[in-house]
Amino acid sequence: MELPLVTTVTTLLLVLIVVVTCQEQRFDCPPGYCFGVKCVSDESCPKNETLVPTFCGCCQRCVPIIGEGGRCIIFNGAPPKSACDRKLRCCHGTCKKTCGE
């Protein structure tokens, strides 16, 4: 049984709207948000980890360091779960020296 053309087009439009909306969503921290946040002091990290800002940049925490060619993920507005090593950047999901195609 085939769906009517109107139902198919409507479904595709709804999926497109959801995808675009999800990609545009970003949480902005409200003014004064960090005022009530208590940070755990992490002045230094274990070997093969580095300090990165937490949500809204209120504190810092240790995360694993990823070497060249390792997989990295950046979510807009979310604190990182790992970091590329020094002199590397996260380019299309991989830690690289440059992001040139």
Protein backbone atom coordinates (compact mmCIF):
# COMPACT_ATOMS: atom_id res chain seq x y z
CA MET A 1 0.00 0.00 0.00
CA GLU A 2 1.50 3.33 -1.08
CA LEU A 3 1.20 6.51 0.92
CA PRO A 4 -0.50 9.42 -0.79
CA LEU A 5 1.89 12.03 -2.17
CA VAL A 6 0.65 14.67 0.30
CA THR A 7 1.45 12.41 3.28
CA THR A 8 4.93 11.63 1.93
CA VAL A 9 5.75 15.29 1.29
CA THR A 10 4.39 16.31 4.70
CA THR A 11 6.51 13.66 6.41
CA LEU A 12 9.65 14.76 4.57
CA LEU A 13 9.02 18.41 5.48
CA LEU A 14 8.58 17.52 9.15
CA VAL A 15 11.82 15.53 9.17
CA LEU A 16 13.65 18.43 7.50
CA ILE A 17 12.29 20.91 10.07
CA VAL A 18 13.39 18.69 12.97
CA VAL A 19 16.90 18.23 11.55
CA VAL A 20 17.41 21.96 10.91
CA THR A 21 16.01 22.88 14.33
CA CYS A 22 18.30 20.41 16.12
CA GLN A 23 21.36 21.74 14.31
CA GLU A 24 20.51 25.34 15.17
CA GLN A 25 19.86 24.68 18.86
CA ARG A 26 22.50 25.92 21.25
CA PHE A 27 22.24 26.55 24.94
CA ASP A 28 23.42 29.98 26.03
CA CYS A 29 24.34 30.30 29.69
CA PRO A 30 22.18 32.76 31.60
CA PRO A 31 23.86 35.76 33.25
CA GLY A 32 25.21 34.89 36.70
CA TYR A 33 24.93 31.13 36.06
CA CYS A 34 28.44 30.41 37.37
CA PHE A 35 27.87 32.36 40.58
CA GLY A 36 26.30 29.41 42.39
CA VAL A 37 28.52 26.69 40.88
CA LYS A 38 31.05 25.06 43.19
CA CYS A 39 34.10 23.79 41.33
CA VAL A 40 36.25 20.85 42.30
CA SER A 41 39.85 22.05 42.21
CA ASP A 42 41.73 20.41 39.32
CA GLU A 43 44.94 22.39 39.01
CA SER A 44 46.77 19.54 37.32
CA CYS A 45 45.71 16.41 35.49
CA PRO A 46 47.06 12.87 35.32
CA LYS A 47 49.42 11.96 32.47
CA ASN A 48 47.72 11.99 29.03
CA GLU A 49 44.94 14.33 30.21
CA THR A 50 44.46 18.11 30.03
CA LEU A 51 42.22 20.76 31.57
CA VAL A 52 39.21 22.01 29.59
CA PRO A 53 36.31 24.31 30.57
CA THR A 54 33.13 22.73 31.86
CA PHE A 55 29.59 23.72 30.89
CA CYS A 56 29.30 27.52 30.63
CA GLY A 57 33.03 27.77 31.42
CA CYS A 58 32.39 27.93 35.16
CA CYS A 59 35.08 25.40 36.11
CA GLN A 60 37.71 23.18 34.54
CA ARG A 61 38.05 19.40 34.44
CA CYS A 62 40.51 16.83 33.13
CA VAL A 63 39.83 15.02 29.85
CA PRO A 64 41.91 12.54 27.79
CA ILE A 65 44.34 13.93 25.19
CA ILE A 66 43.95 12.52 21.67
CA GLY A 67 46.96 12.18 19.36
CA GLU A 68 47.21 12.87 15.64
CA GLY A 69 44.75 10.78 13.65
CA GLY A 70 42.61 10.10 16.72
CA ARG A 71 38.84 10.58 16.70
CA CYS A 72 37.53 13.85 18.16
CA ILE A 73 34.01 15.18 18.52
CA ILE A 74 32.91 18.79 19.01
CA PHE A 75 29.31 19.56 19.93
CA ASN A 76 28.33 23.20 19.69
CA GLY A 77 28.02 24.55 23.23
CA ALA A 78 28.76 21.28 25.03
CA PRO A 79 31.92 20.76 27.09
CA PRO A 80 34.44 18.47 25.39
CA LYS A 81 34.89 14.86 26.55
CA SER A 82 38.44 14.83 25.14
CA ALA A 83 40.96 17.22 23.54
CA CYS A 84 43.39 17.02 20.65
CA ASP A 85 47.07 17.14 21.61
CA ARG A 86 49.06 20.38 21.39
CA LYS A 87 49.44 21.81 17.89
CA LEU A 88 46.51 19.66 16.66
CA ARG A 89 42.94 20.67 15.78
CA CYS A 90 39.73 18.71 15.52
CA CYS A 91 39.01 18.63 11.78
CA HIS A 92 35.97 16.73 10.55
CA GLY A 93 36.14 14.32 13.50
CA THR A 94 39.92 13.67 13.42
CA CYS A 95 42.81 15.35 15.27
CA LYS A 96 45.07 16.90 12.61
CA LYS A 97 47.84 19.49 12.28
CA THR A 98 45.85 21.46 9.71
CA CYS A 99 42.26 21.36 8.54
CA GLY A 100 43.09 21.63 4.84
CA GLU A 101 41.06 19.34 2.62
